[in-house]
N, C-alpha and C. Protein backbone atom coordinates (compact mmCIF):
# COMPACT_ATOMS: atom_id res chain seq x y z
N VAL A 1 73.59 64.63 119.32
CA VAL A 1 73.54 66.01 118.89
C VAL A 1 73.39 66.04 117.37
N MET A 2 72.49 66.90 116.91
CA MET A 2 72.25 67.02 115.48
C MET A 2 72.83 68.34 114.98
N ASP A 3 73.22 68.37 113.71
CA ASP A 3 73.65 69.64 113.16
C ASP A 3 72.40 70.52 112.98
N PRO A 4 72.56 71.84 112.97
CA PRO A 4 71.41 72.75 112.94
C PRO A 4 70.44 72.51 111.79
N ALA A 5 70.93 72.20 110.60
CA ALA A 5 70.04 71.97 109.46
C ALA A 5 69.19 70.72 109.67
N ALA A 6 69.78 69.65 110.18
CA ALA A 6 69.03 68.42 110.42
C ALA A 6 68.00 68.64 111.53
N TYR A 7 68.38 69.41 112.55
CA TYR A 7 67.45 69.70 113.64
C TYR A 7 66.25 70.48 113.13
N GLN A 8 66.48 71.48 112.30
CA GLN A 8 65.38 72.27 111.74
C GLN A 8 64.48 71.40 110.86
N ALA A 9 65.07 70.51 110.10
CA ALA A 9 64.28 69.59 109.27
C ALA A 9 63.43 68.69 110.15
N TRP A 10 64.01 68.21 111.24
CA TRP A 10 63.28 67.36 112.18
C TRP A 10 62.13 68.13 112.82
N LEU A 11 62.39 69.38 113.25
CA LEU A 11 61.35 70.20 113.86
C LEU A 11 60.19 70.45 112.90
N SER A 12 60.51 70.66 111.64
CA SER A 12 59.46 70.99 110.68
C SER A 12 58.74 69.76 110.12
N GLY A 13 59.09 68.61 110.61
CA GLY A 13 58.32 67.43 110.19
C GLY A 13 59.13 66.38 109.49
N GLY A 14 60.37 66.70 109.15
CA GLY A 14 61.21 65.69 108.53
C GLY A 14 61.76 64.77 109.59
N THR A 15 62.41 63.74 109.17
CA THR A 15 63.02 62.83 110.14
C THR A 15 64.52 62.82 109.95
N GLY A 16 65.06 63.96 109.46
CA GLY A 16 66.49 64.03 109.21
C GLY A 16 67.31 63.77 110.45
N GLY A 17 68.44 63.14 110.26
CA GLY A 17 69.36 62.93 111.37
C GLY A 17 69.06 61.67 112.16
N ALA A 18 69.98 61.36 113.05
CA ALA A 18 69.88 60.14 113.83
C ALA A 18 68.71 60.18 114.80
N ALA A 19 68.45 61.33 115.39
CA ALA A 19 67.37 61.41 116.37
C ALA A 19 66.02 61.08 115.73
N GLY A 20 65.79 61.60 114.55
CA GLY A 20 64.52 61.32 113.87
C GLY A 20 64.41 59.85 113.52
N ALA A 21 65.51 59.28 113.06
CA ALA A 21 65.49 57.86 112.70
C ALA A 21 65.32 57.00 113.93
N ALA A 22 65.99 57.39 115.02
CA ALA A 22 65.91 56.60 116.23
C ALA A 22 64.50 56.63 116.83
N GLN A 23 63.87 57.80 116.80
CA GLN A 23 62.54 57.90 117.37
C GLN A 23 61.53 57.14 116.54
N GLY A 24 61.62 57.27 115.23
CA GLY A 24 60.72 56.56 114.35
C GLY A 24 59.26 56.97 114.53
N SER A 25 59.03 58.11 115.16
CA SER A 25 57.65 58.49 115.45
C SER A 25 57.18 59.67 114.62
N GLY A 26 57.93 60.06 113.61
CA GLY A 26 57.50 61.18 112.80
C GLY A 26 58.02 62.49 113.35
N SER A 27 57.27 63.55 113.09
CA SER A 27 57.73 64.88 113.45
C SER A 27 57.44 65.25 114.89
N VAL A 28 58.00 66.36 115.31
CA VAL A 28 57.74 66.90 116.64
C VAL A 28 56.26 67.24 116.76
N ALA A 29 55.68 67.82 115.71
CA ALA A 29 54.25 68.17 115.73
C ALA A 29 53.38 66.92 115.84
N ASP A 30 53.77 65.83 115.18
CA ASP A 30 53.01 64.58 115.30
C ASP A 30 53.04 64.06 116.73
N ALA A 31 54.22 64.13 117.35
CA ALA A 31 54.34 63.70 118.75
C ALA A 31 53.49 64.62 119.64
N GLY A 32 53.48 65.92 119.33
CA GLY A 32 52.67 66.86 120.09
C GLY A 32 51.19 66.57 119.94
N ALA A 33 50.76 66.20 118.75
CA ALA A 33 49.36 65.86 118.51
C ALA A 33 48.96 64.65 119.35
N ALA A 34 49.84 63.66 119.42
CA ALA A 34 49.55 62.48 120.23
C ALA A 34 49.45 62.85 121.71
N LEU A 35 50.36 63.70 122.18
CA LEU A 35 50.30 64.16 123.57
C LEU A 35 49.04 64.96 123.84
N PHE A 36 48.69 65.85 122.92
CA PHE A 36 47.49 66.69 123.04
C PHE A 36 46.27 65.82 123.25
N THR A 37 46.21 64.71 122.53
CA THR A 37 45.10 63.78 122.67
C THR A 37 45.20 62.99 123.98
N SER A 38 46.36 62.46 124.26
CA SER A 38 46.51 61.59 125.44
C SER A 38 46.35 62.36 126.75
N LEU A 39 46.71 63.64 126.76
CA LEU A 39 46.57 64.46 127.97
C LEU A 39 45.16 65.02 128.12
N GLY A 40 44.33 64.83 127.11
CA GLY A 40 42.94 65.29 127.18
C GLY A 40 42.76 66.76 126.82
N CYS A 41 43.74 67.38 126.21
CA CYS A 41 43.68 68.81 125.87
C CYS A 41 42.50 69.13 124.94
N ALA A 42 42.25 68.22 124.00
CA ALA A 42 41.19 68.46 123.02
C ALA A 42 39.81 68.54 123.65
N THR A 43 39.65 67.97 124.82
CA THR A 43 38.36 68.01 125.50
C THR A 43 37.90 69.46 125.71
N CYS A 44 38.80 70.33 126.10
CA CYS A 44 38.44 71.72 126.40
C CYS A 44 38.88 72.72 125.33
N HIS A 45 39.80 72.33 124.48
CA HIS A 45 40.35 73.26 123.49
C HIS A 45 40.01 72.87 122.06
N ARG A 46 38.82 72.33 121.85
CA ARG A 46 38.46 71.88 120.50
C ARG A 46 37.86 72.99 119.64
N GLY A 47 37.60 74.16 120.21
CA GLY A 47 37.16 75.29 119.41
C GLY A 47 35.70 75.33 119.09
N GLU A 48 34.89 74.64 119.86
CA GLU A 48 33.45 74.65 119.64
C GLU A 48 32.77 75.45 120.74
N SER A 49 31.58 75.92 120.46
CA SER A 49 30.80 76.64 121.44
C SER A 49 30.57 75.75 122.66
N GLY A 50 30.73 76.33 123.84
CA GLY A 50 30.49 75.59 125.07
C GLY A 50 31.69 74.86 125.61
N THR A 51 32.86 74.95 124.97
CA THR A 51 34.04 74.30 125.52
C THR A 51 34.58 75.12 126.68
N LEU A 52 35.37 74.49 127.51
CA LEU A 52 35.88 75.14 128.72
C LEU A 52 37.14 75.97 128.51
N GLY A 53 37.79 75.82 127.38
CA GLY A 53 39.01 76.56 127.11
C GLY A 53 38.97 77.19 125.74
N PRO A 54 39.83 78.18 125.53
CA PRO A 54 39.86 78.85 124.23
C PRO A 54 40.29 77.92 123.10
N ALA A 55 39.75 78.19 121.91
CA ALA A 55 40.19 77.47 120.71
C ALA A 55 41.65 77.81 120.46
N LEU A 56 42.44 76.84 120.11
CA LEU A 56 43.87 77.06 119.92
C LEU A 56 44.26 77.21 118.45
N GLY A 57 43.37 76.89 117.55
CA GLY A 57 43.67 77.01 116.13
C GLY A 57 43.94 78.46 115.74
N GLY A 58 45.12 78.72 115.20
CA GLY A 58 45.47 80.05 114.74
C GLY A 58 45.77 81.04 115.85
N ILE A 59 45.90 80.57 117.07
CA ILE A 59 46.08 81.49 118.20
C ILE A 59 47.51 82.04 118.32
N VAL A 60 48.49 81.25 117.88
CA VAL A 60 49.88 81.68 117.99
C VAL A 60 50.11 82.91 117.10
N GLY A 61 50.72 83.93 117.67
CA GLY A 61 50.97 85.17 116.94
C GLY A 61 49.87 86.21 117.13
N THR A 62 48.84 85.87 117.88
CA THR A 62 47.77 86.83 118.16
C THR A 62 47.94 87.36 119.58
N LYS A 63 47.03 88.21 119.96
CA LYS A 63 46.94 88.68 121.34
C LYS A 63 45.61 88.18 121.88
N VAL A 64 45.59 87.83 123.18
CA VAL A 64 44.34 87.45 123.81
C VAL A 64 44.08 88.37 125.00
N ARG A 65 42.81 88.60 125.25
CA ARG A 65 42.41 89.41 126.40
C ARG A 65 42.32 88.49 127.61
N LEU A 66 42.90 88.94 128.70
CA LEU A 66 42.88 88.18 129.94
C LEU A 66 41.75 88.64 130.84
N GLN A 67 41.42 87.84 131.82
CA GLN A 67 40.37 88.21 132.77
C GLN A 67 40.71 89.50 133.50
N SER A 68 41.98 89.81 133.64
CA SER A 68 42.41 91.04 134.31
C SER A 68 42.14 92.27 133.45
N GLY A 69 41.81 92.07 132.18
CA GLY A 69 41.61 93.17 131.24
C GLY A 69 42.83 93.45 130.39
N ALA A 70 43.97 92.94 130.80
CA ALA A 70 45.21 93.10 130.03
C ALA A 70 45.16 92.20 128.81
N THR A 71 46.09 92.43 127.89
CA THR A 71 46.25 91.52 126.75
C THR A 71 47.65 90.94 126.80
N VAL A 72 47.81 89.81 126.19
CA VAL A 72 49.11 89.14 126.15
C VAL A 72 49.32 88.57 124.76
N ASP A 73 50.58 88.62 124.30
CA ASP A 73 50.95 88.00 123.03
C ASP A 73 51.00 86.50 123.22
N VAL A 74 50.40 85.77 122.29
CA VAL A 74 50.46 84.32 122.34
C VAL A 74 51.71 83.89 121.59
N ASP A 75 52.72 83.53 122.36
CA ASP A 75 53.99 83.07 121.82
C ASP A 75 54.41 81.83 122.60
N ASP A 76 55.60 81.33 122.31
CA ASP A 76 56.07 80.12 122.97
C ASP A 76 56.08 80.26 124.49
N ALA A 77 56.54 81.41 124.98
CA ALA A 77 56.63 81.63 126.43
C ALA A 77 55.25 81.60 127.07
N TYR A 78 54.27 82.23 126.43
CA TYR A 78 52.91 82.23 126.97
C TYR A 78 52.32 80.82 126.97
N LEU A 79 52.52 80.08 125.88
CA LEU A 79 52.01 78.71 125.81
C LEU A 79 52.65 77.84 126.89
N ARG A 80 53.95 77.98 127.05
CA ARG A 80 54.68 77.21 128.07
C ARG A 80 54.10 77.52 129.46
N GLU A 81 53.95 78.80 129.76
CA GLU A 81 53.41 79.18 131.07
C GLU A 81 51.98 78.66 131.25
N SER A 82 51.20 78.72 130.20
CA SER A 82 49.80 78.29 130.28
C SER A 82 49.68 76.79 130.50
N ILE A 83 50.63 76.03 130.02
CA ILE A 83 50.63 74.57 130.23
C ILE A 83 51.10 74.25 131.65
N LEU A 84 52.15 74.93 132.10
CA LEU A 84 52.73 74.63 133.40
C LEU A 84 52.01 75.32 134.56
N ASN A 85 51.47 76.51 134.31
CA ASN A 85 50.80 77.29 135.36
C ASN A 85 49.57 77.97 134.76
N PRO A 86 48.54 77.21 134.44
CA PRO A 86 47.40 77.75 133.70
C PRO A 86 46.62 78.85 134.42
N GLN A 87 46.77 78.97 135.72
CA GLN A 87 46.04 80.01 136.46
C GLN A 87 46.77 81.35 136.42
N ALA A 88 47.98 81.40 135.89
CA ALA A 88 48.78 82.62 135.89
C ALA A 88 48.15 83.74 135.06
N LYS A 89 47.65 83.41 133.89
CA LYS A 89 47.08 84.40 132.97
C LYS A 89 45.83 83.79 132.35
N LEU A 90 44.71 83.99 133.00
CA LEU A 90 43.45 83.40 132.56
C LEU A 90 42.84 84.20 131.41
N VAL A 91 42.46 83.51 130.34
CA VAL A 91 41.83 84.14 129.19
C VAL A 91 40.41 84.54 129.58
N ALA A 92 40.05 85.77 129.23
CA ALA A 92 38.72 86.29 129.54
C ALA A 92 37.64 85.38 128.98
N GLY A 93 36.62 85.14 129.80
CA GLY A 93 35.48 84.36 129.35
C GLY A 93 35.58 82.87 129.60
N PHE A 94 36.69 82.42 130.20
CA PHE A 94 36.87 81.00 130.46
C PHE A 94 37.14 80.77 131.94
N PRO A 95 36.56 79.72 132.49
CA PRO A 95 36.75 79.43 133.92
C PRO A 95 38.14 78.89 134.20
N PRO A 96 38.63 79.06 135.42
CA PRO A 96 39.97 78.57 135.80
C PRO A 96 39.96 77.08 136.13
N VAL A 97 39.68 76.25 135.14
CA VAL A 97 39.54 74.82 135.39
C VAL A 97 40.69 73.97 134.84
N MET A 98 41.59 74.56 134.08
CA MET A 98 42.67 73.76 133.51
C MET A 98 43.64 73.33 134.60
N PRO A 99 43.95 72.04 134.63
CA PRO A 99 44.93 71.55 135.62
C PRO A 99 46.34 71.93 135.18
N THR A 100 47.25 71.99 136.12
CA THR A 100 48.64 72.23 135.79
C THR A 100 49.27 70.94 135.26
N PHE A 101 50.19 71.10 134.36
CA PHE A 101 50.92 69.95 133.85
C PHE A 101 52.37 70.00 134.31
N LYS A 102 52.66 70.93 135.26
CA LYS A 102 54.00 71.03 135.83
C LYS A 102 54.32 69.72 136.54
N GLY A 103 55.47 69.16 136.23
CA GLY A 103 55.86 67.89 136.82
C GLY A 103 55.27 66.68 136.11
N GLN A 104 54.39 66.92 135.16
CA GLN A 104 53.76 65.81 134.43
C GLN A 104 54.24 65.71 133.00
N VAL A 105 54.79 66.81 132.48
CA VAL A 105 55.32 66.81 131.13
C VAL A 105 56.79 67.22 131.17
N SER A 106 57.57 66.63 130.32
CA SER A 106 59.00 66.93 130.24
C SER A 106 59.22 68.15 129.34
N GLU A 107 60.44 68.61 129.30
CA GLU A 107 60.78 69.71 128.38
C GLU A 107 60.52 69.31 126.94
N GLU A 108 60.83 68.06 126.62
CA GLU A 108 60.56 67.56 125.26
C GLU A 108 59.06 67.56 124.98
N ASP A 109 58.26 67.14 125.96
CA ASP A 109 56.81 67.16 125.81
C ASP A 109 56.32 68.58 125.54
N LEU A 110 56.84 69.56 126.29
CA LEU A 110 56.45 70.96 126.10
C LEU A 110 56.76 71.42 124.68
N LEU A 111 57.96 71.10 124.21
CA LEU A 111 58.35 71.46 122.85
C LEU A 111 57.39 70.84 121.84
N GLN A 112 57.05 69.58 122.04
CA GLN A 112 56.14 68.90 121.13
C GLN A 112 54.75 69.52 121.15
N LEU A 113 54.23 69.80 122.34
CA LEU A 113 52.90 70.41 122.44
C LEU A 113 52.86 71.79 121.79
N ILE A 114 53.86 72.61 122.07
CA ILE A 114 53.91 73.96 121.50
C ILE A 114 54.04 73.89 119.99
N THR A 115 54.88 72.99 119.50
CA THR A 115 55.04 72.83 118.06
C THR A 115 53.73 72.42 117.42
N TYR A 116 53.02 71.50 118.05
CA TYR A 116 51.72 71.07 117.53
C TYR A 116 50.71 72.22 117.52
N ILE A 117 50.63 72.96 118.60
CA ILE A 117 49.68 74.08 118.68
C ILE A 117 49.95 75.08 117.57
N LYS A 118 51.21 75.28 117.23
CA LYS A 118 51.57 76.20 116.14
C LYS A 118 51.04 75.72 114.78
N THR A 119 50.80 74.42 114.65
CA THR A 119 50.31 73.91 113.36
C THR A 119 48.80 74.02 113.23
N LEU A 120 48.10 74.27 114.32
CA LEU A 120 46.64 74.31 114.29
C LEU A 120 46.16 75.55 113.55
N ARG A 121 45.17 75.38 112.72
CA ARG A 121 44.59 76.49 111.97
C ARG A 121 43.22 76.81 112.54
N ALA A 122 42.87 78.07 112.49
CA ALA A 122 41.57 78.51 113.01
C ALA A 122 40.45 77.93 112.16
N SER A 123 39.40 77.49 112.83
CA SER A 123 38.19 77.05 112.14
C SER A 123 37.29 78.26 111.99
N PRO A 124 36.59 78.38 110.88
CA PRO A 124 35.67 79.51 110.69
C PRO A 124 34.65 79.56 111.83
N GLY A 125 34.54 80.74 112.46
CA GLY A 125 33.57 80.95 113.53
C GLY A 125 33.88 80.17 114.79
N ALA A 126 35.14 79.86 115.03
CA ALA A 126 35.50 79.04 116.19
C ALA A 126 35.82 79.90 117.41
N GLY A 127 34.89 80.69 117.85
CA GLY A 127 35.00 81.40 119.12
C GLY A 127 36.23 82.24 119.27
N ASP A 128 36.40 83.26 118.45
CA ASP A 128 37.56 84.13 118.54
C ASP A 128 37.31 85.37 119.38
N ALA A 129 36.27 85.37 120.22
CA ALA A 129 35.92 86.55 121.01
C ALA A 129 37.04 86.95 121.96
N HIS A 130 37.89 86.04 122.38
CA HIS A 130 38.96 86.34 123.31
C HIS A 130 40.18 86.96 122.63
N ARG A 131 40.20 86.95 121.31
CA ARG A 131 41.36 87.46 120.57
C ARG A 131 41.21 88.94 120.29
N GLU A 132 42.34 89.61 120.28
CA GLU A 132 42.38 91.03 120.00
C GLU A 132 42.76 91.25 118.55
N SER A 133 42.31 92.31 117.98
CA SER A 133 42.67 92.63 116.58
C SER A 133 44.02 93.29 116.52
């Protein structure tokens, strides 16, 4: 167990506390980046024209239009649901091809992936048609 200040430092990229030292793998976002690559997420979410999934750079804190016509806030809960049950809320303009990662990623993995996605910045002209103003 880490004290709250050390935990926040670890989350933001520091290696404060015993957990960071024991892991020796850098920040939560770094671990998330490695998972993002190893799980093949970048294949569909790289933010280029013709990809199968929405660009994730700068998406946290925005709203996206769903195939149902509704909009949803992109927050931790939405990202978690989209990783575990990607067919639940399909983003408009994208096919329902993302596999579920339920049972394949741990709670720690989810935290790492979400933390990494929060660090991604939007690329100029990277397909923001699904985002709401």
